Amino acid sequence: MTDVDWDSKTVIGKKSAVAKVARKESDLNGAVVGTDKKVTAGGNKAHQGTDHQRIAKLDRENEVAPPAKIAPSVGRAIQDARMELKLSQKDVAQKINEKPSVMQDYESSKAIPNPQILGKLERVLGVKLRGSDIGKKLEGPKKST
């Protein structure tokens, strides 16, 4: 290790002299002043108002319509058939293995129609709830002779 040159030095990560941007006159004090004008100042394109408006408009165009609720005539038919059988909403809900809140939603026409639940209600109440002739009494199974 006798051939090491101690007079030469390698500097890693040293920054070259850069012109300082003066914010006020007291910053000048004989320093090198850069007079470059920043051309792209305030040009952040991602946050301009027109982009937000354009994105909001796209969102409105792509909105999915809420699913259709059950028809009021079906809710009324369920309620009439239930009252005729002298059953409470809770009794009917137990017979179709659903929560009483499901029965409330169907009768008040707030529920999204589910063919399985409608089928169960048709069997328990004996009333047609799908297709045409909503509220019409169902006939028993046809007997073959």
C-alpha atoms as a PDB file:
ATOM      1  CA  MET A   1       0.000   0.000   0.000  1.00  0.00           C
ATOM      2  CA  THR A   2       2.906   2.284  -0.544  1.00  0.00           C
ATOM      3  CA  ASP A   3       1.879   3.413  -4.035  1.00  0.00           C
ATOM      4  CA  VAL A   4      -1.245   5.384  -2.864  1.00  0.00           C
ATOM      5  CA  ASP A   5      -1.332   8.975  -4.047  1.00  0.00           C
ATOM      6  CA  TRP A   6      -2.562  10.976  -1.063  1.00  0.00           C
ATOM      7  CA  ASP A   7      -2.709  14.271  -2.958  1.00  0.00           C
ATOM      8  CA  SER A   8      -5.461  13.274  -5.405  1.00  0.00           C
ATOM      9  CA  LYS A   9      -8.957  12.975  -4.055  1.00  0.00           C
ATOM     10  CA  THR A  10     -12.196  11.603  -5.455  1.00  0.00           C
ATOM     11  CA  VAL A  11     -15.339  13.512  -4.548  1.00  0.00           C
ATOM     12  CA  ILE A  12     -18.593  11.594  -4.700  1.00  0.00           C
ATOM     13  CA  GLY A  13     -21.949  13.365  -4.799  1.00  0.00           C
ATOM     14  CA  LYS A  14     -20.708  16.963  -4.894  1.00  0.00           C
ATOM     15  CA  LYS A  15     -23.188  19.316  -6.484  1.00  0.00           C
ATOM     16  CA  SER A  16     -22.044  21.941  -8.939  1.00  0.00           C
ATOM     17  CA  ALA A  17     -22.780  25.581  -8.249  1.00  0.00           C
ATOM     18  CA  VAL A  18     -26.385  26.362  -9.125  1.00  0.00           C
ATOM     19  CA  ALA A  19     -27.822  29.843  -9.450  1.00  0.00           C
ATOM     20  CA  LYS A  20     -29.941  30.741  -6.424  1.00  0.00           C
ATOM     21  CA  VAL A  21     -33.436  32.085  -6.993  1.00  0.00           C
ATOM     22  CA  ALA A  22     -33.842  35.258  -4.956  1.00  0.00           C
ATOM     23  CA  ARG A  23     -37.231  35.731  -3.342  1.00  0.00           C
ATOM     24  CA  LYS A  24     -36.455  39.168  -1.875  1.00  0.00           C
ATOM     25  CA  GLU A  25     -33.730  41.768  -2.188  1.00  0.00           C
ATOM     26  CA  SER A  26     -31.933  40.745   1.002  1.00  0.00           C
ATOM     27  CA  ASP A  27     -31.191  37.360  -0.619  1.00  0.00           C
ATOM     28  CA  LEU A  28     -29.011  39.009  -3.269  1.00  0.00           C
ATOM     29  CA  ASN A  29     -25.985  40.022  -1.117  1.00  0.00           C
ATOM     30  CA  GLY A  30     -23.550  39.496  -3.963  1.00  0.00           C
ATOM     31  CA  ALA A  31     -24.700  35.968  -4.827  1.00  0.00           C
ATOM     32  CA  VAL A  32     -25.037  34.733  -8.389  1.00  0.00           C
ATOM     33  CA  VAL A  33     -28.571  35.494  -9.493  1.00  0.00           C
ATOM     34  CA  GLY A  34     -30.392  33.334 -12.045  1.00  0.00           C
ATOM     35  CA  THR A  35     -32.757  35.253 -14.309  1.00  0.00           C
ATOM     36  CA  ASP A  36     -34.355  32.289 -16.028  1.00  0.00           C
ATOM     37  CA  LYS A  37     -38.117  32.611 -16.438  1.00  0.00           C
ATOM     38  CA  LYS A  38     -40.059  29.492 -15.596  1.00  0.00           C
ATOM     39  CA  VAL A  39     -42.214  28.803 -18.608  1.00  0.00           C
ATOM     40  CA  THR A  40     -44.239  25.941 -17.171  1.00  0.00           C
ATOM     41  CA  ALA A  41     -45.022  27.538 -13.820  1.00  0.00           C
ATOM     42  CA  GLY A  42     -48.448  26.545 -12.549  1.00  0.00           C
ATOM     43  CA  GLY A  43     -48.963  24.092 -15.361  1.00  0.00           C
ATOM     44  CA  ASN A  44     -50.080  21.051 -13.408  1.00  0.00           C
ATOM     45  CA  LYS A  45     -52.447  19.627 -15.974  1.00  0.00           C
ATOM     46  CA  ALA A  46     -53.923  17.000 -13.651  1.00  0.00           C
ATOM     47  CA  HIS A  47     -55.662  19.537 -11.429  1.00  0.00           C
ATOM     48  CA  GLN A  48     -57.309  21.948 -13.806  1.00  0.00           C
ATOM     49  CA  GLY A  49     -61.027  22.569 -13.341  1.00  0.00           C
ATOM     50  CA  THR A  50     -61.976  21.397 -16.813  1.00  0.00           C
ATOM     51  CA  ASP A  51     -60.579  17.920 -16.158  1.00  0.00           C
ATOM     52  CA  HIS A  52     -62.720  17.515 -13.042  1.00  0.00           C
ATOM     53  CA  GLN A  53     -65.767  18.621 -14.978  1.00  0.00           C
ATOM     54  CA  ARG A  54     -64.992  16.211 -17.807  1.00  0.00           C
ATOM     55  CA  ILE A  55     -64.529  13.302 -15.395  1.00  0.00           C
ATOM     56  CA  ALA A  56     -67.771  14.131 -13.560  1.00  0.00           C
ATOM     57  CA  LYS A  57     -69.605  14.219 -16.878  1.00  0.00           C
ATOM     58  CA  LEU A  58     -68.216  10.798 -17.796  1.00  0.00           C
ATOM     59  CA  ASP A  59     -69.330   9.445 -14.433  1.00  0.00           C
ATOM     60  CA  ARG A  60     -72.866  10.722 -14.989  1.00  0.00           C
ATOM     61  CA  GLU A  61     -72.995   9.128 -18.432  1.00  0.00           C
ATOM     62  CA  ASN A  62     -71.879   5.729 -17.128  1.00  0.00           C
ATOM     63  CA  GLU A  63     -74.163   5.584 -14.099  1.00  0.00           C
ATOM     64  CA  VAL A  64     -76.056   2.358 -13.767  1.00  0.00           C
ATOM     65  CA  ALA A  65     -79.778   2.714 -13.184  1.00  0.00           C
ATOM     66  CA  PRO A  66     -80.931   1.271  -9.864  1.00  0.00           C
ATOM     67  CA  PRO A  67     -82.624  -2.123 -10.149  1.00  0.00           C
ATOM     68  CA  ALA A  68     -86.381  -2.092 -10.597  1.00  0.00           C
ATOM     69  CA  LYS A  69     -88.528  -2.500  -7.502  1.00  0.00           C
ATOM     70  CA  ILE A  70     -91.491  -4.808  -7.255  1.00  0.00           C
ATOM     71  CA  ALA A  71     -94.729  -3.447  -8.750  1.00  0.00           C
ATOM     72  CA  PRO A  72     -97.254  -1.939  -6.310  1.00  0.00           C
ATOM     73  CA  SER A  73     -99.925  -4.284  -7.676  1.00  0.00           C
ATOM     74  CA  VAL A  74     -97.830  -7.279  -6.581  1.00  0.00           C
ATOM     75  CA  GLY A  75     -97.369  -5.840  -3.086  1.00  0.00           C
ATOM     76  CA  ARG A  76    -101.087  -5.217  -2.839  1.00  0.00           C
ATOM     77  CA  ALA A  77    -101.868  -8.769  -4.041  1.00  0.00           C
ATOM     78  CA  ILE A  78     -99.523 -10.230  -1.397  1.00  0.00           C
ATOM     79  CA  GLN A  79    -101.145  -8.160   1.339  1.00  0.00           C
ATOM     80  CA  ASP A  80    -104.719  -9.019   0.250  1.00  0.00           C
ATOM     81  CA  ALA A  81    -103.969 -12.754   0.040  1.00  0.00           C
ATOM     82  CA  ARG A  82    -102.240 -12.708   3.439  1.00  0.00           C
ATOM     83  CA  MET A  83    -105.170 -10.880   5.068  1.00  0.00           C
ATOM     84  CA  GLU A  84    -107.634 -13.300   3.504  1.00  0.00           C
ATOM     85  CA  LEU A  85    -105.748 -16.236   5.060  1.00  0.00           C
ATOM     86  CA  LYS A  86    -105.621 -14.317   8.382  1.00  0.00           C
ATOM     87  CA  LEU A  87    -101.820 -14.565   8.549  1.00  0.00           C
ATOM     88  CA  SER A  88     -99.370 -11.977   9.849  1.00  0.00           C
ATOM     89  CA  GLN A  89     -96.288 -10.910   7.915  1.00  0.00           C
ATOM     90  CA  LYS A  90     -94.226 -12.836  10.450  1.00  0.00           C
ATOM     91  CA  ASP A  91     -96.248 -16.039   9.870  1.00  0.00           C
ATOM     92  CA  VAL A  92     -95.822 -15.846   6.103  1.00  0.00           C
ATOM     93  CA  ALA A  93     -92.117 -15.066   6.490  1.00  0.00           C
ATOM     94  CA  GLN A  94     -91.673 -18.187   8.627  1.00  0.00           C
ATOM     95  CA  LYS A  95     -93.489 -20.333   6.058  1.00  0.00           C
ATOM     96  CA  ILE A  96     -91.204 -19.184   3.236  1.00  0.00           C
ATOM     97  CA  ASN A  97     -88.049 -19.217   5.421  1.00  0.00           C
ATOM     98  CA  GLU A  98     -87.356 -15.501   5.080  1.00  0.00           C
ATOM     99  CA  LYS A  99     -87.067 -12.632   7.545  1.00  0.00           C
ATOM    100  CA  PRO A 100     -90.181 -10.590   8.394  1.00  0.00           C
ATOM    101  CA  SER A 101     -88.418  -7.515   6.966  1.00  0.00           C
ATOM    102  CA  VAL A 102     -88.448  -9.236   3.553  1.00  0.00           C
ATOM    103  CA  MET A 103     -92.232  -9.520   3.754  1.00  0.00           C
ATOM    104  CA  GLN A 104     -92.490  -5.844   4.729  1.00  0.00           C
ATOM    105  CA  ASP A 105     -90.357  -4.837   1.736  1.00  0.00           C
ATOM    106  CA  TYR A 106     -92.420  -6.943  -0.682  1.00  0.00           C
ATOM    107  CA  GLU A 107     -95.745  -5.603   0.585  1.00  0.00           C
ATOM    108  CA  SER A 108     -94.554  -1.989   0.530  1.00  0.00           C
ATOM    109  CA  SER A 109     -93.064  -2.428  -2.993  1.00  0.00           C
ATOM    110  CA  LYS A 110     -89.543  -1.591  -1.809  1.00  0.00           C
ATOM    111  CA  ALA A 111     -88.022  -4.992  -2.583  1.00  0.00           C
ATOM    112  CA  ILE A 112     -86.077  -5.988  -5.674  1.00  0.00           C
ATOM    113  CA  PRO A 113     -88.054  -8.887  -7.179  1.00  0.00           C
ATOM    114  CA  ASN A 114     -86.560 -12.315  -6.560  1.00  0.00           C
ATOM    115  CA  PRO A 115     -88.232 -15.135  -8.551  1.00  0.00           C
ATOM    116  CA  GLN A 116     -87.491 -17.695  -5.811  1.00  0.00           C
ATOM    117  CA  ILE A 117     -89.178 -15.641  -3.097  1.00  0.00           C
ATOM    118  CA  LEU A 118     -92.104 -14.827  -5.390  1.00  0.00           C
ATOM    119  CA  GLY A 119     -92.502 -18.548  -6.136  1.00  0.00           C
ATOM    120  CA  LYS A 120     -92.564 -19.391  -2.415  1.00  0.00           C
ATOM    121  CA  LEU A 121     -95.109 -16.638  -1.771  1.00  0.00           C
ATOM    122  CA  GLU A 122     -97.298 -17.901  -4.619  1.00  0.00           C
ATOM    123  CA  ARG A 123     -97.359 -21.415  -3.093  1.00  0.00           C
ATOM    124  CA  VAL A 124     -98.017 -20.246   0.475  1.00  0.00           C
ATOM    125  CA  LEU A 125    -100.630 -17.607  -0.394  1.00  0.00           C
ATOM    126  CA  GLY A 126    -102.219 -19.424  -3.348  1.00  0.00           C
ATOM    127  CA  VAL A 127    -102.153 -16.269  -5.491  1.00  0.00           C
ATOM    128  CA  LYS A 128    -100.420 -15.549  -8.778  1.00  0.00           C
ATOM    129  CA  LEU A 129     -97.692 -12.878  -8.320  1.00  0.00           C
ATOM    130  CA  ARG A 130     -95.764 -13.080 -11.596  1.00  0.00           C
ATOM    131  CA  GLY A 131     -96.665 -12.446 -15.221  1.00  0.00           C
ATOM    132  CA  SER A 132    -100.198 -11.415 -16.143  1.00  0.00           C
ATOM    133  CA  ASP A 133    -103.264 -11.931 -13.935  1.00  0.00           C
ATOM    134  CA  ILE A 134    -101.440 -10.796 -10.785  1.00  0.00           C
ATOM    135  CA  GLY A 135    -103.641 -11.426  -7.733  1.00  0.00           C
ATOM    136  CA  LYS A 136    -105.637 -14.219  -9.390  1.00  0.00           C
ATOM    137  CA  LYS A 137    -106.176 -17.344  -7.298  1.00  0.00           C
ATOM    138  CA  LEU A 138    -104.027 -20.291  -8.234  1.00  0.00           C
ATOM    139  CA  GLU A 139    -105.758 -23.516  -9.105  1.00  0.00           C
ATOM    140  CA  GLY A 140    -104.617 -26.725  -7.467  1.00  0.00           C
ATOM    141  CA  PRO A 141    -102.493 -29.266  -9.310  1.00  0.00           C
ATOM    142  CA  LYS A 142    -104.161 -30.594 -12.428  1.00  0.00           C
ATOM    143  CA  LYS A 143    -105.352 -34.155 -12.078  1.00  0.00           C
ATOM    144  CA  SER A 144    -104.939 -36.503 -14.962  1.00  0.00           C
ATOM    145  CA  THR A 145    -107.651 -39.128 -15.516  1.00  0.00           C
END
